[in-house]
Amino acid sequence: MPFAVRFTLVALALLSGAAIAAKSGSDDRMRYKWRDESGTLHYADTVPPEAVKFGYEVVNQQGLVVRRVERAKTEAELAAAKAEAAKRAEDQRKADDAARNDAQLLAAYPTEEDLRKSLQAQIDLISQNIQATELGIASQEKSLAERLVHAAEQERNGKPVPPPVQEQINSLRTGLSEQKTYLERRTADRAAMEKQLVSEIERYRTIKKRADDQRGGKR
């Protein structure tokens, strides 16, 4: 084959390959389409800021959507999304804490009676404390009454109340006021514990039933 003919064939092959490559490259080129705030459809070879603002789609040469990009969020939307994510995280943390506490409760008290005895022991301890405080108050009231009688006798006889007696009276009155305040607080503590006993027993029953149901479901 003459050299000129071979050269012509090679040139034609190269040109054909370049044309195919160019056509292939053109087929692979992506375009971007979006709608503006008035709803008008736009197309572009690059992504303009307006498309980022409203969101856009990436389409191939056949017009098929290959990817969707949501519009850019506003500062308010970003803040709201951040707050929502924080709330979900906090809710999950609380749920995890509750699950952990439930598991610890069941581990500490294998039966409802175990829990009841533990709570009742705390109530009994407060009751003993209340009883001891009441006895102390009664004793102080008796001592105060005696000091007041002595002081009244002194005054009836036209004598001043001795300073030590007056100091004792003042001290007893202060002590009684403090003891009565303490008694009120401990009485409120006992009432709160009695309510807690009821609520904790109910909670225990719910947790125990759920745990038993879960174990039954795994069999």
C-alpha atoms as a PDB file:
ATOM      1  CA  MET A   1       0.000   0.000   0.000  1.00  0.00           C
ATOM      2  CA  PRO A   2       1.499   3.351  -1.014  1.00  0.00           C
ATOM      3  CA  PHE A   3       2.616   5.670   1.796  1.00  0.00           C
ATOM      4  CA  ALA A   4       0.147   8.407   0.792  1.00  0.00           C
ATOM      5  CA  VAL A   5      -2.774   6.027   1.074  1.00  0.00           C
ATOM      6  CA  ARG A   6      -1.629   4.767   4.480  1.00  0.00           C
ATOM      7  CA  PHE A   7      -1.213   8.352   5.733  1.00  0.00           C
ATOM      8  CA  THR A   8      -4.699   9.251   4.556  1.00  0.00           C
ATOM      9  CA  LEU A   9      -6.261   6.251   6.348  1.00  0.00           C
ATOM     10  CA  VAL A  10      -4.431   7.037   9.623  1.00  0.00           C
ATOM     11  CA  ALA A  11      -5.551  10.659   9.456  1.00  0.00           C
ATOM     12  CA  LEU A  12      -9.132   9.632   8.867  1.00  0.00           C
ATOM     13  CA  ALA A  13      -8.973   7.225  11.839  1.00  0.00           C
ATOM     14  CA  LEU A  14      -7.599   9.934  14.131  1.00  0.00           C
ATOM     15  CA  LEU A  15     -10.265  12.426  13.045  1.00  0.00           C
ATOM     16  CA  SER A  16     -12.981   9.826  13.582  1.00  0.00           C
ATOM     17  CA  GLY A  17     -11.676   9.018  17.060  1.00  0.00           C
ATOM     18  CA  ALA A  18     -11.542  12.697  17.985  1.00  0.00           C
ATOM     19  CA  ALA A  19     -15.111  13.167  16.791  1.00  0.00           C
ATOM     20  CA  ILE A  20     -16.295  10.183  18.847  1.00  0.00           C
ATOM     21  CA  ALA A  21     -14.434  11.438  21.921  1.00  0.00           C
ATOM     22  CA  ALA A  22     -15.891  14.892  21.475  1.00  0.00           C
ATOM     23  CA  LYS A  23     -19.383  13.454  21.123  1.00  0.00           C
ATOM     24  CA  SER A  24     -18.851  11.226  24.174  1.00  0.00           C
ATOM     25  CA  GLY A  25     -17.576  14.177  26.221  1.00  0.00           C
ATOM     26  CA  SER A  26     -20.587  16.188  25.133  1.00  0.00           C
ATOM     27  CA  ASP A  27     -22.935  13.362  26.199  1.00  0.00           C
ATOM     28  CA  ASP A  28     -21.361  13.258  29.652  1.00  0.00           C
ATOM     29  CA  ARG A  29     -21.775  17.002  30.255  1.00  0.00           C
ATOM     30  CA  MET A  30     -24.215  17.842  33.058  1.00  0.00           C
ATOM     31  CA  ARG A  31     -26.557  20.804  33.197  1.00  0.00           C
ATOM     32  CA  TYR A  32     -28.338  22.489  36.065  1.00  0.00           C
ATOM     33  CA  LYS A  33     -31.964  23.504  36.208  1.00  0.00           C
ATOM     34  CA  TRP A  34     -33.928  25.427  38.810  1.00  0.00           C
ATOM     35  CA  ARG A  35     -36.960  27.602  39.272  1.00  0.00           C
ATOM     36  CA  ASP A  36     -36.761  31.150  40.542  1.00  0.00           C
ATOM     37  CA  GLU A  37     -39.146  32.690  43.065  1.00  0.00           C
ATOM     38  CA  SER A  38     -41.699  33.373  40.312  1.00  0.00           C
ATOM     39  CA  GLY A  39     -41.622  29.720  39.205  1.00  0.00           C
ATOM     40  CA  THR A  40     -39.747  30.318  35.940  1.00  0.00           C
ATOM     41  CA  LEU A  41     -37.598  27.368  34.878  1.00  0.00           C
ATOM     42  CA  HIS A  42     -33.890  28.030  34.129  1.00  0.00           C
ATOM     43  CA  TYR A  43     -31.039  25.956  32.748  1.00  0.00           C
ATOM     44  CA  ALA A  44     -27.300  26.614  32.951  1.00  0.00           C
ATOM     45  CA  ASP A  45     -23.973  24.860  32.454  1.00  0.00           C
ATOM     46  CA  THR A  46     -22.700  26.111  35.818  1.00  0.00           C
ATOM     47  CA  VAL A  47     -24.416  26.674  39.148  1.00  0.00           C
ATOM     48  CA  PRO A  48     -25.269  30.356  39.644  1.00  0.00           C
ATOM     49  CA  PRO A  49     -25.937  31.830  43.125  1.00  0.00           C
ATOM     50  CA  GLU A  50     -29.664  32.040  42.343  1.00  0.00           C
ATOM     51  CA  ALA A  51     -29.828  28.268  41.860  1.00  0.00           C
ATOM     52  CA  VAL A  52     -28.124  27.716  45.213  1.00  0.00           C
ATOM     53  CA  LYS A  53     -30.646  30.039  46.818  1.00  0.00           C
ATOM     54  CA  PHE A  54     -33.703  28.227  45.461  1.00  0.00           C
ATOM     55  CA  GLY A  55     -32.301  24.720  45.049  1.00  0.00           C
ATOM     56  CA  TYR A  56     -31.558  22.969  41.786  1.00  0.00           C
ATOM     57  CA  GLU A  57     -31.370  19.654  39.954  1.00  0.00           C
ATOM     58  CA  VAL A  58     -28.453  18.153  38.047  1.00  0.00           C
ATOM     59  CA  VAL A  59     -29.569  16.634  34.728  1.00  0.00           C
ATOM     60  CA  ASN A  60     -27.704  14.681  32.054  1.00  0.00           C
ATOM     61  CA  GLN A  61     -27.902  15.120  28.280  1.00  0.00           C
ATOM     62  CA  GLN A  62     -31.003  12.940  28.169  1.00  0.00           C
ATOM     63  CA  GLY A  63     -32.764  15.305  30.567  1.00  0.00           C
ATOM     64  CA  LEU A  64     -32.811  12.783  33.409  1.00  0.00           C
ATOM     65  CA  VAL A  65     -32.319  14.091  36.952  1.00  0.00           C
ATOM     66  CA  VAL A  66     -29.233  12.524  38.480  1.00  0.00           C
ATOM     67  CA  ARG A  67     -29.096  14.578  41.672  1.00  0.00           C
ATOM     68  CA  ARG A  68     -31.199  17.061  43.634  1.00  0.00           C
ATOM     69  CA  VAL A  69     -29.712  19.795  45.788  1.00  0.00           C
ATOM     70  CA  GLU A  70     -31.951  21.456  48.338  1.00  0.00           C
ATOM     71  CA  ARG A  71     -32.027  25.227  48.599  1.00  0.00           C
ATOM     72  CA  ALA A  72     -29.718  26.969  51.025  1.00  0.00           C
ATOM     73  CA  LYS A  73     -31.302  27.386  54.457  1.00  0.00           C
ATOM     74  CA  THR A  74     -31.818  30.806  55.993  1.00  0.00           C
ATOM     75  CA  GLU A  75     -30.191  31.798  59.284  1.00  0.00           C
ATOM     76  CA  ALA A  76     -33.520  31.324  61.044  1.00  0.00           C
ATOM     77  CA  GLU A  77     -33.970  27.855  59.525  1.00  0.00           C
ATOM     78  CA  LEU A  78     -30.425  26.871  60.456  1.00  0.00           C
ATOM     79  CA  ALA A  79     -31.025  28.047  64.022  1.00  0.00           C
ATOM     80  CA  ALA A  80     -34.320  26.151  64.164  1.00  0.00           C
ATOM     81  CA  ALA A  81     -32.675  23.001  62.806  1.00  0.00           C
ATOM     82  CA  LYS A  82     -29.898  23.323  65.378  1.00  0.00           C
ATOM     83  CA  ALA A  83     -32.433  23.756  68.175  1.00  0.00           C
ATOM     84  CA  GLU A  84     -34.408  20.746  66.945  1.00  0.00           C
ATOM     85  CA  ALA A  85     -31.252  18.629  66.799  1.00  0.00           C
ATOM     86  CA  ALA A  86     -30.354  19.709  70.343  1.00  0.00           C
ATOM     87  CA  LYS A  87     -33.865  18.801  71.525  1.00  0.00           C
ATOM     88  CA  ARG A  88     -33.659  15.371  69.914  1.00  0.00           C
ATOM     89  CA  ALA A  89     -30.282  14.808  71.540  1.00  0.00           C
ATOM     90  CA  GLU A  90     -31.642  15.876  74.939  1.00  0.00           C
ATOM     91  CA  ASP A  91     -34.706  13.651  74.535  1.00  0.00           C
ATOM     92  CA  GLN A  92     -32.441  10.740  73.656  1.00  0.00           C
ATOM     93  CA  ARG A  93     -30.237  11.455  76.667  1.00  0.00           C
ATOM     94  CA  LYS A  94     -33.286  11.456  78.956  1.00  0.00           C
ATOM     95  CA  ALA A  95     -34.527   8.217  77.408  1.00  0.00           C
ATOM     96  CA  ASP A  96     -31.110   6.618  77.918  1.00  0.00           C
ATOM     97  CA  ASP A  97     -31.000   7.826  81.527  1.00  0.00           C
ATOM     98  CA  ALA A  98     -34.502   6.464  82.162  1.00  0.00           C
ATOM     99  CA  ALA A  99     -33.592   3.090  80.668  1.00  0.00           C
ATOM    100  CA  ARG A 100     -30.426   2.947  82.768  1.00  0.00           C
ATOM    101  CA  ASN A 101     -32.331   3.883  85.942  1.00  0.00           C
ATOM    102  CA  ASP A 102     -34.969   1.257  85.190  1.00  0.00           C
ATOM    103  CA  ALA A 103     -32.303  -1.400  84.775  1.00  0.00           C
ATOM    104  CA  GLN A 104     -30.618  -0.356  88.025  1.00  0.00           C
ATOM    105  CA  LEU A 105     -33.945  -0.490  89.880  1.00  0.00           C
ATOM    106  CA  LEU A 106     -34.628  -4.048  88.734  1.00  0.00           C
ATOM    107  CA  ALA A 107     -31.079  -5.094  89.564  1.00  0.00           C
ATOM    108  CA  ALA A 108     -31.264  -3.588  93.069  1.00  0.00           C
ATOM    109  CA  TYR A 109     -34.718  -5.004  93.871  1.00  0.00           C
ATOM    110  CA  PRO A 110     -35.426  -8.411  92.305  1.00  0.00           C
ATOM    111  CA  THR A 111     -38.987  -8.392  93.681  1.00  0.00           C
ATOM    112  CA  GLU A 112     -41.628  -5.787  94.466  1.00  0.00           C
ATOM    113  CA  GLU A 113     -41.494  -6.776  98.141  1.00  0.00           C
ATOM    114  CA  ASP A 114     -37.762  -5.971  98.248  1.00  0.00           C
ATOM    115  CA  LEU A 115     -38.473  -2.452  97.039  1.00  0.00           C
ATOM    116  CA  ARG A 116     -41.396  -2.013  99.414  1.00  0.00           C
ATOM    117  CA  LYS A 117     -39.292  -3.063 102.427  1.00  0.00           C
ATOM    118  CA  SER A 118     -36.507  -0.665 101.458  1.00  0.00           C
ATOM    119  CA  LEU A 119     -38.831   2.306 101.102  1.00  0.00           C
ATOM    120  CA  GLN A 120     -40.754   1.412 104.261  1.00  0.00           C
ATOM    121  CA  ALA A 121     -37.466   1.239 106.184  1.00  0.00           C
ATOM    122  CA  GLN A 122     -36.756   4.834 105.176  1.00  0.00           C
ATOM    123  CA  ILE A 123     -40.250   5.892 106.252  1.00  0.00           C
ATOM    124  CA  ASP A 124     -39.828   4.099 109.590  1.00  0.00           C
ATOM    125  CA  LEU A 125     -36.511   5.866 110.158  1.00  0.00           C
ATOM    126  CA  ILE A 126     -38.153   9.254 109.589  1.00  0.00           C
ATOM    127  CA  SER A 127     -41.003   8.254 111.921  1.00  0.00           C
ATOM    128  CA  GLN A 128     -38.505   7.403 114.649  1.00  0.00           C
ATOM    129  CA  ASN A 129     -36.845  10.765 114.118  1.00  0.00           C
ATOM    130  CA  ILE A 130     -40.221  12.490 114.384  1.00  0.00           C
ATOM    131  CA  GLN A 131     -41.045  10.617 117.587  1.00  0.00           C
ATOM    132  CA  ALA A 132     -37.723  11.569 119.155  1.00  0.00           C
ATOM    133  CA  THR A 133     -38.275  15.209 118.177  1.00  0.00           C
ATOM    134  CA  GLU A 134     -41.756  15.184 119.684  1.00  0.00           C
ATOM    135  CA  LEU A 135     -40.369  13.823 122.958  1.00  0.00           C
ATOM    136  CA  GLY A 136     -37.690  16.488 122.940  1.00  0.00           C
ATOM    137  CA  ILE A 137     -40.286  19.207 122.369  1.00  0.00           C
ATOM    138  CA  ALA A 138     -42.434  17.883 125.210  1.00  0.00           C
ATOM    139  CA  SER A 139     -39.442  17.900 127.550  1.00  0.00           C
ATOM    140  CA  GLN A 140     -38.478  21.442 126.572  1.00  0.00           C
ATOM    141  CA  GLU A 141     -42.067  22.646 126.968  1.00  0.00           C
ATOM    142  CA  LYS A 142     -42.132  21.198 130.484  1.00  0.00           C
ATOM    143  CA  SER A 143     -38.861  22.911 131.361  1.00  0.00           C
ATOM    144  CA  LEU A 144     -40.097  26.189 129.916  1.00  0.00           C
ATOM    145  CA  ALA A 145     -43.338  25.951 131.886  1.00  0.00           C
ATOM    146  CA  GLU A 146     -41.376  25.418 135.102  1.00  0.00           C
ATOM    147  CA  ARG A 147     -39.151  28.426 134.387  1.00  0.00           C
ATOM    148  CA  LEU A 148     -42.166  30.579 133.592  1.00  0.00           C
ATOM    149  CA  VAL A 149     -43.873  29.575 136.876  1.00  0.00           C
ATOM    150  CA  HIS A 150     -40.725  30.455 138.790  1.00  0.00           C
ATOM    151  CA  ALA A 151     -40.464  33.789 136.994  1.00  0.00           C
ATOM    152  CA  ALA A 152     -44.139  34.573 137.696  1.00  0.00           C
ATOM    153  CA  GLU A 153     -43.635  33.837 141.402  1.00  0.00           C
ATOM    154  CA  GLN A 154     -40.687  36.174 141.523  1.00  0.00           C
ATOM    155  CA  GLU A 155     -42.730  38.944 139.913  1.00  0.00           C
ATOM    156  CA  ARG A 156     -45.672  38.380 142.289  1.00  0.00           C
ATOM    157  CA  ASN A 157     -43.307  38.747 145.209  1.00  0.00           C
ATOM    158  CA  GLY A 158     -42.066  42.008 143.760  1.00  0.00           C
ATOM    159  CA  LYS A 159     -38.691  40.572 142.877  1.00  0.00           C
ATOM    160  CA  PRO A 160     -36.982  40.747 139.483  1.00  0.00           C
ATOM    161  CA  VAL A 161     -36.561  37.583 137.466  1.00  0.00           C
ATOM    162  CA  PRO A 162     -32.989  36.373 137.954  1.00  0.00           C
ATOM    163  CA  PRO A 163     -30.929  36.824 134.769  1.00  0.00           C
ATOM    164  CA  PRO A 164     -30.018  33.111 134.584  1.00  0.00           C
ATOM    165  CA  VAL A 165     -33.707  32.198 134.671  1.00  0.00           C
ATOM    166  CA  GLN A 166     -34.538  34.739 131.973  1.00  0.00           C
ATOM    167  CA  GLU A 167     -31.686  33.402 129.828  1.00  0.00           C
ATOM    168  CA  GLN A 168     -33.000  29.873 130.278  1.00  0.00           C
ATOM    169  CA  ILE A 169     -36.492  30.980 129.269  1.00  0.00           C
ATOM    170  CA  ASN A 170     -35.183  32.708 126.131  1.00  0.00           C
ATOM    171  CA  SER A 171     -33.012  29.728 125.213  1.00  0.00           C
ATOM    172  CA  LEU A 172     -35.884  27.281 125.678  1.00  0.00           C
ATOM    173  CA  ARG A 173     -38.201  29.402 123.552  1.00  0.00           C
ATOM    174  CA  THR A 174     -35.601  29.588 120.758  1.00  0.00           C
ATOM    175  CA  GLY A 175     -34.937  25.865 120.960  1.00  0.00           C
ATOM    176  CA  LEU A 176     -38.630  25.050 120.885  1.00  0.00           C
ATOM    177  CA  SER A 177     -39.170  27.198 117.801  1.00  0.00           C
ATOM    178  CA  GLU A 178     -36.306  25.459 115.991  1.00  0.00           C
ATOM    179  CA  GLN A 179     -37.492  21.994 117.048  1.00  0.00           C
ATOM    180  CA  LYS A 180     -41.044  22.650 115.895  1.00  0.00           C
ATOM    181  CA  THR A 181     -39.767  23.893 112.521  1.00  0.00           C
ATOM    182  CA  TYR A 182     -37.641  20.754 112.239  1.00  0.00           C
ATOM    183  CA  LEU A 183     -40.639  18.607 113.187  1.00  0.00           C
ATOM    184  CA  GLU A 184     -42.745  20.193 110.442  1.00  0.00           C
ATOM    185  CA  ARG A 185     -40.017  19.525 107.893  1.00  0.00           C
ATOM    186  CA  ARG A 186     -39.581  15.896 108.899  1.00  0.00           C
ATOM    187  CA  THR A 187     -43.332  15.358 108.902  1.00  0.00           C
ATOM    188  CA  ALA A 188     -43.433  16.713 105.344  1.00  0.00           C
ATOM    189  CA  ASP A 189     -40.529  14.394 104.452  1.00  0.00           C
ATOM    190  CA  ARG A 190     -42.480  11.392 105.725  1.00  0.00           C
ATOM    191  CA  ALA A 191     -45.562  12.366 103.746  1.00  0.00           C
ATOM    192  CA  ALA A 192     -43.399  12.745 100.617  1.00  0.00           C
ATOM    193  CA  MET A 193     -41.801   9.346 101.205  1.00  0.00           C
ATOM    194  CA  GLU A 194     -45.201   7.715 101.618  1.00  0.00           C
ATOM    195  CA  LYS A 195     -46.263   9.170  98.268  1.00  0.00           C
ATOM    196  CA  GLN A 196     -42.966   8.062  96.746  1.00  0.00           C
ATOM    197  CA  LEU A 197     -43.560   4.527  97.991  1.00  0.00           C
ATOM    198  CA  VAL A 198     -46.845   4.361  96.093  1.00  0.00           C
ATOM    199  CA  SER A 199     -45.425   5.890  92.899  1.00  0.00           C
ATOM    200  CA  GLU A 200     -42.243   3.792  93.005  1.00  0.00           C
ATOM    201  CA  ILE A 201     -44.240   0.591  93.436  1.00  0.00           C
ATOM    202  CA  GLU A 202     -46.386   1.514  90.436  1.00  0.00           C
ATOM    203  CA  ARG A 203     -43.287   2.369  88.408  1.00  0.00           C
ATOM    204  CA  TYR A 204     -41.625  -0.876  89.450  1.00  0.00           C
ATOM    205  CA  ARG A 205     -44.630  -2.900  88.308  1.00  0.00           C
ATOM    206  CA  THR A 206     -44.589  -1.182  84.914  1.00  0.00           C
ATOM    207  CA  ILE A 207     -40.848  -1.717  84.447  1.00  0.00           C
ATOM    208  CA  LYS A 208     -41.010  -5.325  85.630  1.00  0.00           C
ATOM    209  CA  LYS A 209     -43.885  -6.149  83.290  1.00  0.00           C
ATOM    210  CA  ARG A 210     -42.080  -4.569  80.336  1.00  0.00           C
ATOM    211  CA  ALA A 211     -38.906  -6.508  81.132  1.00  0.00           C
ATOM    212  CA  ASP A 212     -40.862  -9.768  81.495  1.00  0.00           C
ATOM    213  CA  ASP A 213     -42.659  -9.136  78.195  1.00  0.00           C
ATOM    214  CA  GLN A 214     -39.360  -8.479  76.436  1.00  0.00           C
ATOM    215  CA  ARG A 215     -37.857 -11.669  77.797  1.00  0.00           C
ATOM    216  CA  GLY A 216     -40.948 -13.586  76.744  1.00  0.00           C
ATOM    217  CA  GLY A 217     -40.737 -12.148  73.248  1.00  0.00           C
ATOM    218  CA  LYS A 218     -37.141 -13.291  72.845  1.00  0.00           C
ATOM    219  CA  ARG A 219     -37.954 -16.926  73.596  1.00  0.00           C
END
